[in-house]
Amino acid sequence: MTLTELSEATGISKSTLSRLESGQRKPSLELLLPIAEAHQVPLDELVGAPEVGDPRVQFVPQDRNGRVVIPLTRQAGGLQAWKVIIEPTDEPPKLRIHEGYEWLYVLAGEMRLIVADHDITMGRGEVAEFDTAVPHWFGAAGDQPVELLSLLGQSGERIHVRAAPRRRTPGG
């Protein structure tokens, strides 16, 4: 299609079309819509818009000390969320401490959790929370991997779990 033919089909002047073609003018929506219609192509195809694929945010799994850690939050600081997959190991637990407060939810498998003097095994659907300044460790219990959600408040932020709705007080 020539510039003259496109100008006649769209009502856009040849000089404007020429400047668009040479990059001397930035296209506006008012110009792009009639051009797309004249070429009988969707606007996305005309401007080379990226394909809309899976709308979910895809996070890249990381290997941290033999654990697969998938970040679920992007912002720095504040509350951080991860999905963690831990394979069984024969290594003895190495308790550690760091700043923060952690909340763990077992998605699948069994998890061994050591916090100070407490050594417990947790199954699917169980939740634990603890101050990470207390020596702790968690990993797979038994011979199967464990999958869990981990929420960590680096500055000691705590998760507030509400098991039942708040009761209203008279007059409130």
C-alpha atoms as a PDB file:
ATOM      1  CA  MET A   1       0.000   0.000   0.000  1.00  0.00           C
ATOM      2  CA  THR A   2       1.389   3.399  -0.946  1.00  0.00           C
ATOM      3  CA  LEU A   3       1.348   6.449   1.336  1.00  0.00           C
ATOM      4  CA  THR A   4      -1.287   7.996  -0.948  1.00  0.00           C
ATOM      5  CA  GLU A   5      -3.523   4.920  -0.668  1.00  0.00           C
ATOM      6  CA  LEU A   6      -3.038   4.775   3.107  1.00  0.00           C
ATOM      7  CA  SER A   7      -3.769   8.490   3.401  1.00  0.00           C
ATOM      8  CA  GLU A   8      -7.023   8.054   1.471  1.00  0.00           C
ATOM      9  CA  ALA A   9      -8.028   5.005   3.561  1.00  0.00           C
ATOM     10  CA  THR A  10      -7.270   6.633   6.918  1.00  0.00           C
ATOM     11  CA  GLY A  11      -7.774  10.366   6.404  1.00  0.00           C
ATOM     12  CA  ILE A  12      -4.256  10.965   7.722  1.00  0.00           C
ATOM     13  CA  SER A  13      -2.107  13.327   5.618  1.00  0.00           C
ATOM     14  CA  LYS A  14       0.721  11.858   3.537  1.00  0.00           C
ATOM     15  CA  SER A  15       3.235  14.090   5.329  1.00  0.00           C
ATOM     16  CA  THR A  16       2.121  12.784   8.743  1.00  0.00           C
ATOM     17  CA  LEU A  17       2.312   9.196   7.503  1.00  0.00           C
ATOM     18  CA  SER A  18       5.777   9.867   6.047  1.00  0.00           C
ATOM     19  CA  ARG A  19       7.020  11.298   9.379  1.00  0.00           C
ATOM     20  CA  LEU A  20       5.571   8.277  11.229  1.00  0.00           C
ATOM     21  CA  GLU A  21       7.283   5.920   8.802  1.00  0.00           C
ATOM     22  CA  SER A  22      10.653   7.651   9.144  1.00  0.00           C
ATOM     23  CA  GLY A  23      10.426   7.910  12.935  1.00  0.00           C
ATOM     24  CA  GLN A  24      10.294  11.712  12.934  1.00  0.00           C
ATOM     25  CA  ARG A  25       6.903  11.615  14.637  1.00  0.00           C
ATOM     26  CA  LYS A  26       5.721   9.423  17.506  1.00  0.00           C
ATOM     27  CA  PRO A  27       2.467   7.588  16.797  1.00  0.00           C
ATOM     28  CA  SER A  28      -0.595   8.375  18.884  1.00  0.00           C
ATOM     29  CA  LEU A  29      -3.579   6.122  19.389  1.00  0.00           C
ATOM     30  CA  GLU A  30      -5.642   8.422  17.130  1.00  0.00           C
ATOM     31  CA  LEU A  31      -3.188   7.676  14.293  1.00  0.00           C
ATOM     32  CA  LEU A  32      -2.568   3.993  15.020  1.00  0.00           C
ATOM     33  CA  LEU A  33      -6.211   2.895  15.134  1.00  0.00           C
ATOM     34  CA  PRO A  34      -7.114   3.951  11.566  1.00  0.00           C
ATOM     35  CA  ILE A  35      -3.797   2.578  10.247  1.00  0.00           C
ATOM     36  CA  ALA A  36      -4.477  -0.810  11.892  1.00  0.00           C
ATOM     37  CA  GLU A  37      -8.003  -0.787  10.483  1.00  0.00           C
ATOM     38  CA  ALA A  38      -6.752   0.091   6.971  1.00  0.00           C
ATOM     39  CA  HIS A  39      -4.287  -2.815   7.094  1.00  0.00           C
ATOM     40  CA  GLN A  40      -6.927  -5.064   8.683  1.00  0.00           C
ATOM     41  CA  VAL A  41      -4.627  -6.098  11.526  1.00  0.00           C
ATOM     42  CA  PRO A  42      -5.148  -5.902  15.294  1.00  0.00           C
ATOM     43  CA  LEU A  43      -3.504  -2.897  16.937  1.00  0.00           C
ATOM     44  CA  ASP A  44      -1.311  -5.253  19.033  1.00  0.00           C
ATOM     45  CA  GLU A  45       0.131  -6.739  15.861  1.00  0.00           C
ATOM     46  CA  LEU A  46       0.751  -3.328  14.338  1.00  0.00           C
ATOM     47  CA  VAL A  47       2.746  -2.058  17.307  1.00  0.00           C
ATOM     48  CA  GLY A  48       4.420  -5.361  18.119  1.00  0.00           C
ATOM     49  CA  ALA A  49       2.896  -5.653  21.591  1.00  0.00           C
ATOM     50  CA  PRO A  50       4.191  -8.625  23.589  1.00  0.00           C
ATOM     51  CA  GLU A  51       1.970 -11.664  23.690  1.00  0.00           C
ATOM     52  CA  VAL A  52      -0.171 -11.891  26.758  1.00  0.00           C
ATOM     53  CA  GLY A  53       0.734 -15.237  28.174  1.00  0.00           C
ATOM     54  CA  ASP A  54       0.253 -16.642  31.587  1.00  0.00           C
ATOM     55  CA  PRO A  55      -0.832 -13.712  33.792  1.00  0.00           C
ATOM     56  CA  ARG A  56       0.813 -15.176  36.891  1.00  0.00           C
ATOM     57  CA  VAL A  57       4.089 -13.719  38.057  1.00  0.00           C
ATOM     58  CA  GLN A  58       6.779 -16.307  37.477  1.00  0.00           C
ATOM     59  CA  PHE A  59       9.459 -16.387  40.138  1.00  0.00           C
ATOM     60  CA  VAL A  60      12.740 -18.178  39.594  1.00  0.00           C
ATOM     61  CA  PRO A  61      13.476 -21.026  42.021  1.00  0.00           C
ATOM     62  CA  GLN A  62      16.821 -20.738  43.798  1.00  0.00           C
ATOM     63  CA  ASP A  63      18.999 -23.397  45.390  1.00  0.00           C
ATOM     64  CA  ARG A  64      19.967 -22.361  48.925  1.00  0.00           C
ATOM     65  CA  ASN A  65      22.005 -24.888  50.865  1.00  0.00           C
ATOM     66  CA  GLY A  66      20.277 -27.827  49.178  1.00  0.00           C
ATOM     67  CA  ARG A  67      16.789 -26.321  49.563  1.00  0.00           C
ATOM     68  CA  VAL A  68      14.680 -25.116  46.653  1.00  0.00           C
ATOM     69  CA  VAL A  69      13.464 -21.651  47.591  1.00  0.00           C
ATOM     70  CA  ILE A  70      10.880 -19.880  45.443  1.00  0.00           C
ATOM     71  CA  PRO A  71      10.398 -16.213  46.377  1.00  0.00           C
ATOM     72  CA  LEU A  72       6.749 -15.137  46.419  1.00  0.00           C
ATOM     73  CA  THR A  73       7.372 -11.447  47.148  1.00  0.00           C
ATOM     74  CA  ARG A  74       9.426  -8.951  45.183  1.00  0.00           C
ATOM     75  CA  GLN A  75       9.781  -5.944  47.463  1.00  0.00           C
ATOM     76  CA  ALA A  76      12.856  -5.527  49.601  1.00  0.00           C
ATOM     77  CA  GLY A  77      12.386  -5.360  53.349  1.00  0.00           C
ATOM     78  CA  GLY A  78       9.187  -5.945  55.230  1.00  0.00           C
ATOM     79  CA  LEU A  79       7.442  -9.272  55.216  1.00  0.00           C
ATOM     80  CA  GLN A  80       8.958 -11.835  52.815  1.00  0.00           C
ATOM     81  CA  ALA A  81       7.201 -14.974  51.561  1.00  0.00           C
ATOM     82  CA  TRP A  82       8.733 -18.131  50.065  1.00  0.00           C
ATOM     83  CA  LYS A  83       7.683 -21.585  49.024  1.00  0.00           C
ATOM     84  CA  VAL A  84      10.408 -23.947  50.218  1.00  0.00           C
ATOM     85  CA  ILE A  85      11.007 -27.557  49.168  1.00  0.00           C
ATOM     86  CA  ILE A  86      13.432 -29.468  51.356  1.00  0.00           C
ATOM     87  CA  GLU A  87      14.773 -32.903  50.427  1.00  0.00           C
ATOM     88  CA  PRO A  88      15.619 -35.354  53.212  1.00  0.00           C
ATOM     89  CA  THR A  89      19.247 -35.409  54.321  1.00  0.00           C
ATOM     90  CA  ASP A  90      21.470 -37.353  56.682  1.00  0.00           C
ATOM     91  CA  GLU A  91      23.239 -34.145  57.734  1.00  0.00           C
ATOM     92  CA  PRO A  92      22.739 -33.273  61.402  1.00  0.00           C
ATOM     93  CA  PRO A  93      20.610 -30.149  62.007  1.00  0.00           C
ATOM     94  CA  LYS A  94      22.608 -26.920  62.347  1.00  0.00           C
ATOM     95  CA  LEU A  95      20.659 -24.482  64.477  1.00  0.00           C
ATOM     96  CA  ARG A  96      20.948 -20.850  63.501  1.00  0.00           C
ATOM     97  CA  ILE A  97      19.749 -17.460  64.625  1.00  0.00           C
ATOM     98  CA  HIS A  98      18.971 -14.246  62.757  1.00  0.00           C
ATOM     99  CA  GLU A  99      16.803 -11.173  63.096  1.00  0.00           C
ATOM    100  CA  GLY A 100      13.102 -11.576  62.497  1.00  0.00           C
ATOM    101  CA  TYR A 101      10.008 -13.595  63.223  1.00  0.00           C
ATOM    102  CA  GLU A 102       9.086 -16.633  61.114  1.00  0.00           C
ATOM    103  CA  TRP A 103       5.798 -18.341  60.319  1.00  0.00           C
ATOM    104  CA  LEU A 104       5.831 -21.794  58.648  1.00  0.00           C
ATOM    105  CA  TYR A 105       2.916 -23.668  57.045  1.00  0.00           C
ATOM    106  CA  VAL A 106       3.406 -27.272  55.899  1.00  0.00           C
ATOM    107  CA  LEU A 107       1.926 -27.815  52.429  1.00  0.00           C
ATOM    108  CA  ALA A 108       3.009 -31.430  51.871  1.00  0.00           C
ATOM    109  CA  GLY A 109       5.112 -34.042  53.620  1.00  0.00           C
ATOM    110  CA  GLU A 110       6.399 -33.865  57.168  1.00  0.00           C
ATOM    111  CA  MET A 111       8.673 -31.217  58.618  1.00  0.00           C
ATOM    112  CA  ARG A 112      10.980 -31.498  61.596  1.00  0.00           C
ATOM    113  CA  LEU A 113      11.244 -28.240  63.495  1.00  0.00           C
ATOM    114  CA  ILE A 114      13.730 -27.542  66.252  1.00  0.00           C
ATOM    115  CA  VAL A 115      13.301 -24.298  68.194  1.00  0.00           C
ATOM    116  CA  ALA A 116      15.471 -24.048  71.322  1.00  0.00           C
ATOM    117  CA  ASP A 117      14.593 -27.160  73.399  1.00  0.00           C
ATOM    118  CA  HIS A 118      11.550 -28.116  71.305  1.00  0.00           C
ATOM    119  CA  ASP A 119      11.967 -30.820  68.645  1.00  0.00           C
ATOM    120  CA  ILE A 120       8.668 -31.539  66.874  1.00  0.00           C
ATOM    121  CA  THR A 121       7.393 -33.161  63.693  1.00  0.00           C
ATOM    122  CA  MET A 122       4.651 -31.353  61.803  1.00  0.00           C
ATOM    123  CA  GLY A 123       2.353 -32.599  59.035  1.00  0.00           C
ATOM    124  CA  ARG A 124       0.361 -31.059  56.218  1.00  0.00           C
ATOM    125  CA  GLY A 125      -1.768 -28.116  57.321  1.00  0.00           C
ATOM    126  CA  GLU A 126       0.144 -27.461  60.540  1.00  0.00           C
ATOM    127  CA  VAL A 127       1.562 -24.041  61.354  1.00  0.00           C
ATOM    128  CA  ALA A 128       4.426 -22.875  63.580  1.00  0.00           C
ATOM    129  CA  GLU A 129       5.699 -19.423  64.446  1.00  0.00           C
ATOM    130  CA  PHE A 130       8.772 -18.348  66.362  1.00  0.00           C
ATOM    131  CA  ASP A 131      11.247 -15.586  67.020  1.00  0.00           C
ATOM    132  CA  THR A 132      14.283 -16.258  64.833  1.00  0.00           C
ATOM    133  CA  ALA A 133      16.606 -14.845  67.497  1.00  0.00           C
ATOM    134  CA  VAL A 134      16.017 -18.219  69.207  1.00  0.00           C
ATOM    135  CA  PRO A 135      18.247 -21.012  67.804  1.00  0.00           C
ATOM    136  CA  HIS A 136      16.205 -22.953  65.247  1.00  0.00           C
ATOM    137  CA  TRP A 137      16.294 -25.367  62.308  1.00  0.00           C
ATOM    138  CA  PHE A 138      13.706 -27.001  60.073  1.00  0.00           C
ATOM    139  CA  GLY A 139      13.905 -29.683  57.416  1.00  0.00           C
ATOM    140  CA  ALA A 140      12.303 -32.817  56.038  1.00  0.00           C
ATOM    141  CA  ALA A 141      11.286 -35.448  58.564  1.00  0.00           C
ATOM    142  CA  GLY A 142      11.733 -38.978  57.306  1.00  0.00           C
ATOM    143  CA  ASP A 143      12.590 -40.013  53.759  1.00  0.00           C
ATOM    144  CA  GLN A 144      10.231 -37.747  51.768  1.00  0.00           C
ATOM    145  CA  PRO A 145      10.635 -34.068  50.848  1.00  0.00           C
ATOM    146  CA  VAL A 146       8.639 -31.430  52.691  1.00  0.00           C
ATOM    147  CA  GLU A 147       7.002 -28.437  51.001  1.00  0.00           C
ATOM    148  CA  LEU A 148       6.166 -25.392  53.058  1.00  0.00           C
ATOM    149  CA  LEU A 149       5.312 -21.727  52.972  1.00  0.00           C
ATOM    150  CA  SER A 150       7.603 -19.459  54.940  1.00  0.00           C
ATOM    151  CA  LEU A 151       6.793 -15.896  55.950  1.00  0.00           C
ATOM    152  CA  LEU A 152       9.614 -13.952  57.530  1.00  0.00           C
ATOM    153  CA  GLY A 153       9.401 -10.506  59.019  1.00  0.00           C
ATOM    154  CA  GLN A 154      13.003  -9.306  58.952  1.00  0.00           C
ATOM    155  CA  SER A 155      12.417  -6.576  61.519  1.00  0.00           C
ATOM    156  CA  GLY A 156      10.298  -8.719  63.769  1.00  0.00           C
ATOM    157  CA  GLU A 157       6.986  -8.124  61.990  1.00  0.00           C
ATOM    158  CA  ARG A 158       4.574 -10.804  63.058  1.00  0.00           C
ATOM    159  CA  ILE A 159       1.773 -12.534  61.216  1.00  0.00           C
ATOM    160  CA  HIS A 160      -1.610 -11.856  62.745  1.00  0.00           C
ATOM    161  CA  VAL A 161      -3.787 -14.942  62.451  1.00  0.00           C
ATOM    162  CA  ARG A 162      -7.446 -14.495  63.191  1.00  0.00           C
ATOM    163  CA  ALA A 163      -9.224 -17.788  63.918  1.00  0.00           C
ATOM    164  CA  ALA A 164     -12.646 -16.251  64.547  1.00  0.00           C
ATOM    165  CA  PRO A 165     -14.223 -12.905  63.788  1.00  0.00           C
ATOM    166  CA  ARG A 166     -13.814 -10.216  66.390  1.00  0.00           C
ATOM    167  CA  ARG A 167     -16.681  -9.901  68.776  1.00  0.00           C
ATOM    168  CA  ARG A 168     -18.444  -6.605  68.701  1.00  0.00           C
ATOM    169  CA  THR A 169     -18.747  -4.790  71.948  1.00  0.00           C
ATOM    170  CA  PRO A 170     -22.046  -3.160  72.874  1.00  0.00           C
ATOM    171  CA  GLY A 171     -22.229   0.256  71.295  1.00  0.00           C
ATOM    172  CA  GLY A 172     -19.238  -0.484  69.005  1.00  0.00           C
END
